[in-house]
C-alpha cells in the first residue's frame, strides 16, 4: 500500500470528510510530516473509490461550490487493518533488531 493511501484511509476511518478535510486530517495524524496536494489527493480518491475502498458519502454545496464527502467502506477498513498490522509487525521486528544490536554493544558489525 502506498503511504498516501494509508494516510487517506486513516483520515477517513473515524468520519466522512471532504477533500480539504482529508488533507487537514492527514497533516494532523502525521504531525505535519505528510502534506497531500489537492491534485494528488483527488486522483487518489478516484482510484480508491474505483477500488471499492472508499465511497461518496454525500455532496453539499457550500458558497456556491460543490463539496463531496468520502467515507471508508468495509473493504477499506479491512485493507487499512491489514496494512496497520503489517506495519506494526515490521516496526516490532526493527525495534527488536535494534535492541539486539544495543545488547551486543555494536561488537558485531557486518562488512559489505
N, C-alpha and C. Protein backbone atom coordinates (compact mmCIF):
# COMPACT_ATOMS: atom_id res chain seq x y z
N UNK A 1 0.85 -1.18 0.00
CA UNK A 1 0.00 0.00 0.00
C UNK A 1 0.89 1.24 0.00
N UNK A 2 0.57 2.19 -0.86
CA UNK A 2 1.31 3.44 -0.89
C UNK A 2 1.08 4.22 0.40
N UNK A 3 2.06 5.01 0.79
CA UNK A 3 1.94 5.78 2.01
C UNK A 3 0.75 6.74 1.96
N UNK A 4 0.54 7.39 0.82
CA UNK A 4 -0.59 8.31 0.71
C UNK A 4 -1.91 7.58 0.91
N UNK A 5 -2.02 6.37 0.38
CA UNK A 5 -3.23 5.57 0.55
C UNK A 5 -3.47 5.28 2.02
N UNK A 6 -2.42 4.87 2.73
CA UNK A 6 -2.53 4.60 4.16
C UNK A 6 -3.06 5.82 4.90
N UNK A 7 -2.51 6.98 4.62
CA UNK A 7 -2.92 8.20 5.32
C UNK A 7 -4.34 8.60 4.96
N UNK A 8 -4.72 8.46 3.70
CA UNK A 8 -6.09 8.83 3.29
C UNK A 8 -7.10 7.91 3.97
N UNK A 9 -6.85 6.61 3.93
CA UNK A 9 -7.77 5.67 4.59
C UNK A 9 -7.83 5.94 6.09
N UNK A 10 -6.70 6.25 6.69
CA UNK A 10 -6.67 6.57 8.12
C UNK A 10 -7.49 7.81 8.42
N UNK A 11 -7.39 8.81 7.55
CA UNK A 11 -8.13 10.06 7.74
C UNK A 11 -9.63 9.84 7.67
N UNK A 12 -10.05 8.83 6.92
CA UNK A 12 -11.48 8.56 6.76
C UNK A 12 -11.99 7.50 7.73
N UNK A 13 -11.12 6.96 8.56
CA UNK A 13 -11.50 5.85 9.44
C UNK A 13 -12.53 6.25 10.49
N UNK A 14 -12.46 7.49 10.99
CA UNK A 14 -13.36 7.87 12.08
C UNK A 14 -14.58 8.65 11.64
N UNK A 15 -14.54 9.24 10.44
CA UNK A 15 -15.68 10.04 9.98
C UNK A 15 -15.53 10.37 8.50
N UNK A 16 -16.66 10.57 7.80
CA UNK A 16 -16.57 11.03 6.41
C UNK A 16 -15.96 12.44 6.37
N UNK A 17 -15.20 12.70 5.32
CA UNK A 17 -14.58 14.02 5.16
C UNK A 17 -14.58 14.41 3.69
N UNK A 18 -14.58 15.72 3.45
CA UNK A 18 -14.41 16.22 2.09
C UNK A 18 -12.90 16.34 1.84
N UNK A 19 -12.53 16.64 0.62
CA UNK A 19 -11.12 16.64 0.22
C UNK A 19 -10.22 17.46 1.11
N UNK A 20 -10.58 18.72 1.36
CA UNK A 20 -9.73 19.56 2.19
C UNK A 20 -9.68 19.04 3.62
N UNK A 21 -10.79 18.46 4.08
CA UNK A 21 -10.81 17.84 5.41
C UNK A 21 -9.86 16.68 5.49
N UNK A 22 -9.75 15.89 4.41
CA UNK A 22 -8.80 14.78 4.37
C UNK A 22 -7.38 15.32 4.45
N UNK A 23 -7.09 16.36 3.68
CA UNK A 23 -5.75 16.97 3.69
C UNK A 23 -5.38 17.41 5.10
N UNK A 24 -6.29 18.10 5.77
CA UNK A 24 -6.02 18.59 7.14
C UNK A 24 -5.86 17.44 8.12
N UNK A 25 -6.69 16.41 8.00
CA UNK A 25 -6.61 15.28 8.94
C UNK A 25 -5.31 14.50 8.74
N UNK A 26 -4.88 14.34 7.50
CA UNK A 26 -3.60 13.67 7.24
C UNK A 26 -2.46 14.46 7.87
N UNK A 27 -2.48 15.77 7.73
CA UNK A 27 -1.45 16.60 8.36
C UNK A 27 -1.47 16.42 9.87
N UNK A 28 -2.66 16.39 10.46
CA UNK A 28 -2.78 16.24 11.91
C UNK A 28 -2.28 14.87 12.35
N UNK A 29 -2.74 13.82 11.68
CA UNK A 29 -2.35 12.46 12.05
C UNK A 29 -0.85 12.23 11.92
N UNK A 30 -0.25 12.87 10.93
CA UNK A 30 1.19 12.67 10.67
C UNK A 30 2.06 13.71 11.37
N UNK A 31 1.46 14.49 12.26
CA UNK A 31 2.19 15.58 12.94
C UNK A 31 2.86 16.51 11.94
N UNK A 32 2.19 16.76 10.82
CA UNK A 32 2.69 17.69 9.82
C UNK A 32 3.73 17.13 8.87
N UNK A 33 4.09 15.86 9.02
CA UNK A 33 5.12 15.27 8.15
C UNK A 33 4.62 14.98 6.75
N UNK A 34 3.32 14.72 6.61
CA UNK A 34 2.75 14.39 5.30
C UNK A 34 1.80 15.50 4.90
N UNK A 35 2.05 16.05 3.72
CA UNK A 35 1.20 17.11 3.18
C UNK A 35 0.75 16.69 1.78
N UNK A 36 -0.50 16.34 1.69
CA UNK A 36 -1.05 15.94 0.40
C UNK A 36 -1.43 17.17 -0.40
N UNK A 37 -1.10 17.15 -1.68
CA UNK A 37 -1.51 18.22 -2.59
C UNK A 37 -2.87 17.86 -3.18
N UNK A 38 -3.66 18.86 -3.47
CA UNK A 38 -5.02 18.62 -3.97
C UNK A 38 -5.02 17.72 -5.21
N UNK A 39 -4.12 17.96 -6.13
CA UNK A 39 -4.07 17.14 -7.34
C UNK A 39 -3.79 15.68 -7.05
N UNK A 40 -2.89 15.44 -6.14
CA UNK A 40 -2.56 14.07 -5.72
C UNK A 40 -3.74 13.44 -5.01
N UNK A 41 -4.36 14.22 -4.12
CA UNK A 41 -5.46 13.69 -3.32
C UNK A 41 -6.63 13.27 -4.20
N UNK A 42 -7.07 14.14 -5.09
CA UNK A 42 -8.28 13.82 -5.85
C UNK A 42 -8.07 12.65 -6.81
N UNK A 43 -6.88 12.51 -7.35
CA UNK A 43 -6.58 11.32 -8.14
C UNK A 43 -6.63 10.06 -7.29
N UNK A 44 -6.07 10.15 -6.08
CA UNK A 44 -6.08 9.00 -5.16
C UNK A 44 -7.51 8.67 -4.72
N UNK A 45 -8.31 9.70 -4.43
CA UNK A 45 -9.70 9.45 -4.03
C UNK A 45 -10.47 8.74 -5.14
N UNK A 46 -10.27 9.16 -6.37
CA UNK A 46 -10.93 8.50 -7.51
C UNK A 46 -10.50 7.04 -7.60
N UNK A 47 -9.20 6.78 -7.45
CA UNK A 47 -8.68 5.41 -7.52
C UNK A 47 -9.21 4.55 -6.38
N UNK A 48 -9.21 5.11 -5.17
CA UNK A 48 -9.69 4.35 -4.01
C UNK A 48 -11.19 4.06 -4.12
N UNK A 49 -11.94 5.00 -4.69
CA UNK A 49 -13.37 4.76 -4.91
C UNK A 49 -13.57 3.66 -5.96
N UNK A 50 -12.78 3.70 -7.03
CA UNK A 50 -12.88 2.68 -8.07
C UNK A 50 -12.52 1.30 -7.52
N UNK A 51 -11.59 1.28 -6.55
CA UNK A 51 -11.18 0.01 -5.93
C UNK A 51 -12.13 -0.45 -4.83
N UNK A 52 -13.13 0.37 -4.51
CA UNK A 52 -14.12 -0.01 -3.50
C UNK A 52 -13.67 0.19 -2.07
N UNK A 53 -12.56 0.91 -1.87
CA UNK A 53 -12.05 1.12 -0.51
C UNK A 53 -12.69 2.32 0.18
N UNK A 54 -13.18 3.26 -0.62
CA UNK A 54 -13.95 4.40 -0.11
C UNK A 54 -15.16 4.58 -1.01
N UNK A 55 -16.11 5.37 -0.52
CA UNK A 55 -17.31 5.67 -1.32
C UNK A 55 -17.72 7.10 -1.02
N UNK A 56 -18.46 7.68 -1.95
CA UNK A 56 -19.01 9.00 -1.72
C UNK A 56 -20.09 8.85 -0.66
N UNK A 57 -19.98 9.66 0.39
CA UNK A 57 -20.94 9.63 1.48
C UNK A 57 -22.10 10.57 1.19
N UNK A 58 -21.76 11.78 0.74
CA UNK A 58 -22.78 12.77 0.40
C UNK A 58 -22.11 13.94 -0.32
N UNK A 59 -22.93 14.79 -0.90
CA UNK A 59 -22.45 16.02 -1.52
C UNK A 59 -23.28 17.17 -0.99
N UNK A 60 -22.62 18.32 -0.85
CA UNK A 60 -23.33 19.52 -0.45
C UNK A 60 -22.73 20.71 -1.18
N UNK A 61 -23.48 21.78 -1.23
CA UNK A 61 -22.99 23.00 -1.86
C UNK A 61 -22.72 24.01 -0.75
N UNK A 62 -21.48 24.50 -0.73
CA UNK A 62 -21.06 25.49 0.26
C UNK A 62 -20.46 26.66 -0.49
N UNK A 63 -21.04 27.83 -0.31
CA UNK A 63 -20.54 29.01 -1.00
C UNK A 63 -20.58 28.88 -2.50
N UNK A 64 -21.57 28.18 -3.02
CA UNK A 64 -21.69 28.01 -4.45
C UNK A 64 -20.80 26.92 -5.04
N UNK A 65 -20.04 26.25 -4.18
CA UNK A 65 -19.14 25.19 -4.66
C UNK A 65 -19.58 23.84 -4.10
N UNK A 66 -19.49 22.85 -4.95
CA UNK A 66 -19.86 21.50 -4.54
C UNK A 66 -18.76 20.90 -3.67
N UNK A 67 -19.18 20.27 -2.58
CA UNK A 67 -18.24 19.62 -1.67
C UNK A 67 -18.66 18.17 -1.53
N UNK A 68 -17.78 17.26 -1.92
CA UNK A 68 -18.07 15.83 -1.87
C UNK A 68 -17.38 15.23 -0.65
N UNK A 69 -18.15 14.49 0.14
CA UNK A 69 -17.63 13.81 1.32
C UNK A 69 -17.42 12.34 0.99
N UNK A 70 -16.33 11.79 1.48
CA UNK A 70 -15.99 10.39 1.27
C UNK A 70 -16.00 9.66 2.60
N UNK A 71 -16.30 8.36 2.55
CA UNK A 71 -16.28 7.53 3.75
C UNK A 71 -15.54 6.23 3.45
N UNK A 72 -15.02 5.64 4.48
CA UNK A 72 -14.34 4.35 4.38
C UNK A 72 -15.40 3.26 4.21
N UNK A 73 -15.16 2.31 3.32
CA UNK A 73 -16.06 1.16 3.15
C UNK A 73 -15.56 0.01 4.02
N UNK A 74 -16.33 -1.06 4.07
CA UNK A 74 -15.89 -2.26 4.79
C UNK A 74 -14.60 -2.81 4.21
N UNK A 75 -14.48 -2.82 2.88
CA UNK A 75 -13.24 -3.28 2.25
C UNK A 75 -12.08 -2.35 2.59
N UNK A 76 -12.37 -1.05 2.66
CA UNK A 76 -11.34 -0.09 3.03
C UNK A 76 -10.87 -0.29 4.45
N UNK A 77 -11.82 -0.55 5.35
CA UNK A 77 -11.47 -0.83 6.74
C UNK A 77 -10.59 -2.07 6.84
N UNK A 78 -10.96 -3.12 6.11
CA UNK A 78 -10.17 -4.36 6.13
C UNK A 78 -8.76 -4.11 5.59
N UNK A 79 -8.65 -3.35 4.50
CA UNK A 79 -7.34 -3.06 3.92
C UNK A 79 -6.49 -2.24 4.88
N UNK A 80 -7.10 -1.25 5.54
CA UNK A 80 -6.37 -0.43 6.50
C UNK A 80 -5.93 -1.26 7.69
N UNK A 81 -6.78 -2.14 8.15
CA UNK A 81 -6.42 -3.00 9.29
C UNK A 81 -5.27 -3.94 8.92
N UNK A 82 -5.31 -4.52 7.74
CA UNK A 82 -4.24 -5.40 7.28
C UNK A 82 -2.92 -4.66 7.18
N UNK A 83 -2.96 -3.47 6.60
CA UNK A 83 -1.73 -2.67 6.44
C UNK A 83 -1.21 -2.19 7.79
N UNK A 84 -2.10 -1.81 8.69
CA UNK A 84 -1.68 -1.38 10.02
C UNK A 84 -0.99 -2.51 10.76
N UNK A 85 -1.52 -3.71 10.64
CA UNK A 85 -0.91 -4.88 11.29
C UNK A 85 0.45 -5.20 10.67
N UNK A 86 0.55 -5.09 9.35
CA UNK A 86 1.82 -5.35 8.68
C UNK A 86 2.88 -4.35 9.15
N UNK A 87 2.51 -3.09 9.23
CA UNK A 87 3.45 -2.06 9.68
C UNK A 87 3.82 -2.24 11.16
N UNK A 88 2.84 -2.65 11.97
CA UNK A 88 3.12 -2.90 13.39
C UNK A 88 4.15 -4.01 13.54
N UNK A 89 3.97 -5.10 12.79
CA UNK A 89 4.92 -6.22 12.86
C UNK A 89 6.30 -5.79 12.37
N UNK A 90 6.35 -5.00 11.31
CA UNK A 90 7.64 -4.52 10.80
C UNK A 90 8.32 -3.63 11.82
N UNK A 91 7.57 -2.74 12.47
CA UNK A 91 8.16 -1.87 13.49
C UNK A 91 8.66 -2.68 14.67
N UNK A 92 7.92 -3.69 15.09
CA UNK A 92 8.35 -4.55 16.20
C UNK A 92 9.63 -5.31 15.84
N UNK A 93 9.71 -5.82 14.62
CA UNK A 93 10.90 -6.55 14.19
C UNK A 93 12.11 -5.62 14.15
N UNK A 94 11.92 -4.41 13.65
CA UNK A 94 13.01 -3.44 13.59
C UNK A 94 13.46 -3.07 15.00
N UNK A 95 12.51 -2.82 15.89
CA UNK A 95 12.85 -2.47 17.27
C UNK A 95 13.60 -3.61 17.95
N UNK A 96 13.19 -4.84 17.70
CA UNK A 96 13.88 -6.00 18.28
C UNK A 96 15.31 -6.10 17.77
N UNK A 97 15.50 -5.85 16.49
CA UNK A 97 16.86 -5.89 15.92
C UNK A 97 17.73 -4.79 16.52
N UNK A 98 17.18 -3.60 16.69
CA UNK A 98 17.95 -2.52 17.30
C UNK A 98 18.29 -2.84 18.76
N UNK A 99 17.34 -3.43 19.48
CA UNK A 99 17.60 -3.82 20.87
C UNK A 99 18.71 -4.86 20.93
N UNK A 100 18.70 -5.83 20.01
CA UNK A 100 19.74 -6.85 19.97
C UNK A 100 21.09 -6.20 19.67
N UNK A 101 21.10 -5.27 18.79
CA UNK A 101 22.35 -4.56 18.45
C UNK A 101 22.89 -3.85 19.69
N UNK A 102 22.02 -3.20 20.41
CA UNK A 102 22.46 -2.47 21.62
C UNK A 102 22.98 -3.44 22.68
N UNK A 103 22.31 -4.59 22.81
CA UNK A 103 22.77 -5.59 23.79
C UNK A 103 24.16 -6.10 23.45
N UNK A 104 24.43 -6.20 22.17
CA UNK A 104 25.75 -6.68 21.74
C UNK A 104 26.79 -5.57 21.80
N UNK A 105 26.35 -4.38 22.08
CA UNK A 105 27.29 -3.27 22.18
C UNK A 105 27.96 -2.94 20.87
N UNK A 106 27.28 -3.15 19.79
CA UNK A 106 27.81 -2.84 18.46
C UNK A 106 29.07 -3.65 18.14
N UNK A 107 29.31 -4.74 18.87
CA UNK A 107 30.52 -5.53 18.69
C UNK A 107 30.54 -6.27 17.35
N UNK A 108 29.42 -6.68 16.91
CA UNK A 108 29.35 -7.46 15.67
C UNK A 108 28.88 -6.58 14.52
N UNK A 109 29.80 -6.23 13.68
CA UNK A 109 29.44 -5.43 12.50
C UNK A 109 29.68 -6.26 11.26
N UNK A 110 28.78 -6.12 10.34
CA UNK A 110 28.89 -6.88 9.09
C UNK A 110 29.51 -5.95 8.04
N UNK A 111 30.54 -6.44 7.41
CA UNK A 111 31.18 -5.69 6.32
C UNK A 111 30.55 -6.13 5.01
N UNK A 112 30.13 -5.18 4.25
CA UNK A 112 29.52 -5.50 2.95
C UNK A 112 30.52 -5.38 1.89
